[in-house]
Protein backbone atom coordinates (compact mmCIF):
# COMPACT_ATOMS: atom_id res chain seq x y z
CA MET A 1 -0.10 0.11 0.23
CA ASN A 2 1.73 3.44 -1.11
CA ILE A 3 0.36 6.56 0.58
CA VAL A 4 0.51 9.75 -0.97
CA TYR A 5 -0.31 13.24 0.96
CA LYS A 6 -2.06 16.22 -0.18
CA LEU A 7 -2.50 19.74 0.57
CA VAL A 8 -6.66 19.98 0.92
CA GLY A 9 -8.70 23.34 0.93
CA TYR A 10 -12.47 23.55 1.84
CA ASP A 11 -14.24 26.76 1.10
CA ARG A 12 -15.34 27.80 5.00
CA GLU A 13 -18.97 28.72 3.81
CA THR A 14 -19.82 26.10 1.79
CA GLU A 15 -17.15 23.30 2.96
CA ARG A 16 -16.88 21.94 -0.69
CA GLN A 17 -13.47 20.79 -1.62
CA LEU A 18 -12.07 23.32 -3.76
CA VAL A 19 -8.26 22.96 -3.95
CA LYS A 20 -5.78 19.66 -3.72
CA ILE A 21 -2.31 19.98 -4.44
CA ASP A 22 -0.16 16.43 -4.12
CA ILE A 23 2.61 16.53 -1.71
CA PRO A 24 5.52 15.80 -3.73
CA PRO A 25 7.22 12.28 -2.05
CA LYS A 26 10.35 14.46 -1.23
CA HIS A 27 8.35 16.83 0.95
CA VAL A 28 6.13 14.44 2.71
CA ALA A 29 8.16 14.14 5.66
CA SER A 30 8.59 17.82 6.31
CA ALA A 31 4.72 18.51 5.83
CA ARG A 32 3.74 15.74 8.46
CA GLY A 33 6.05 17.61 10.69
CA ILE A 34 4.49 21.06 10.25
CA ALA A 35 1.16 19.68 10.47
CA GLY A 36 2.59 17.90 14.04
CA ILE A 37 2.24 14.66 12.90
CA ALA A 38 4.39 12.19 14.57
CA ARG A 39 7.16 9.92 12.29
CA ASP A 40 6.14 6.52 13.83
CA ASP A 41 2.08 7.51 13.71
CA GLU A 42 0.68 5.36 10.52
CA SER A 43 -2.78 6.47 10.70
CA MET A 44 -4.77 7.66 7.74
CA ALA A 45 -6.58 10.42 9.59
CA ASP A 46 -6.69 13.89 8.08
CA CYS A 47 -5.14 16.69 10.07
CA PRO A 48 -6.61 20.20 10.59
CA LEU A 49 -4.06 22.75 9.70
CA ASP A 50 -4.08 26.44 11.03
CA LYS A 51 -3.14 29.23 8.64
CA ASN A 52 0.38 29.11 9.55
CA GLN A 53 0.71 25.48 8.78
CA ALA A 54 -0.95 25.92 5.64
CA ARG A 55 1.25 28.42 4.47
CA ASP A 56 3.88 26.70 5.42
CA ILE A 57 3.43 23.59 3.85
CA ALA A 58 2.57 25.40 0.46
CA GLY A 59 5.92 27.39 0.67
CA ILE A 60 7.67 23.85 0.58
CA ILE A 61 6.43 23.08 -1.83
CA ASP A 62 6.35 26.49 -3.79
CA ARG A 63 2.40 26.28 -4.16
CA PRO A 64 0.09 29.53 -3.33
CA VAL A 65 -2.68 28.87 -0.99
CA ASP A 66 -5.41 31.34 0.36
CA ALA A 67 -5.35 30.49 4.09
CA GLU A 68 -7.77 33.97 4.54
CA LYS A 69 -10.46 31.79 2.39
CA TYR A 70 -9.80 28.03 2.76
CA ASP A 71 -9.45 25.83 5.88
CA TYR A 72 -6.67 23.28 4.81
CA PHE A 73 -5.83 19.84 5.91
CA LEU A 74 -3.22 17.40 5.33
CA GLU A 75 -4.68 14.27 3.94
CA PRO A 76 -3.39 11.03 3.21
CA TYR A 77 -4.89 9.00 0.21
CA VAL A 78 -4.10 4.91 -0.87
CA GLN A 79 -2.08 5.25 -4.24
CA ALA A 80 -4.02 3.34 -6.73
CA PRO A 81 -2.26 0.62 -8.10
CA HIS A 82 -1.72 0.86 -12.02
CA ARG A 83 -3.44 -1.33 -14.18
CA ARG A 84 -2.39 -2.80 -17.52
CA TRP A 85 -4.83 -3.20 -19.91
CA ALA A 86 -4.70 -5.82 -22.28
């Protein structure tokens, strides 16, 4: 099972997911650290981020975020295996 992480933003008024940014594998450890996730924590829980955490994670992956408009979470996903079709 391969776990990938995304920085996900939800509109504060509608609660709709409007932002989804992949965290490159080389930055996952830093993003988890910023989010306060322990190295040995293997849970699949979404981690709510405050404005500064969201900005810091966005900074390490060089992507802009609007931390005033959206609520951000660091979310783990199970990456689907690649399929070969016959």
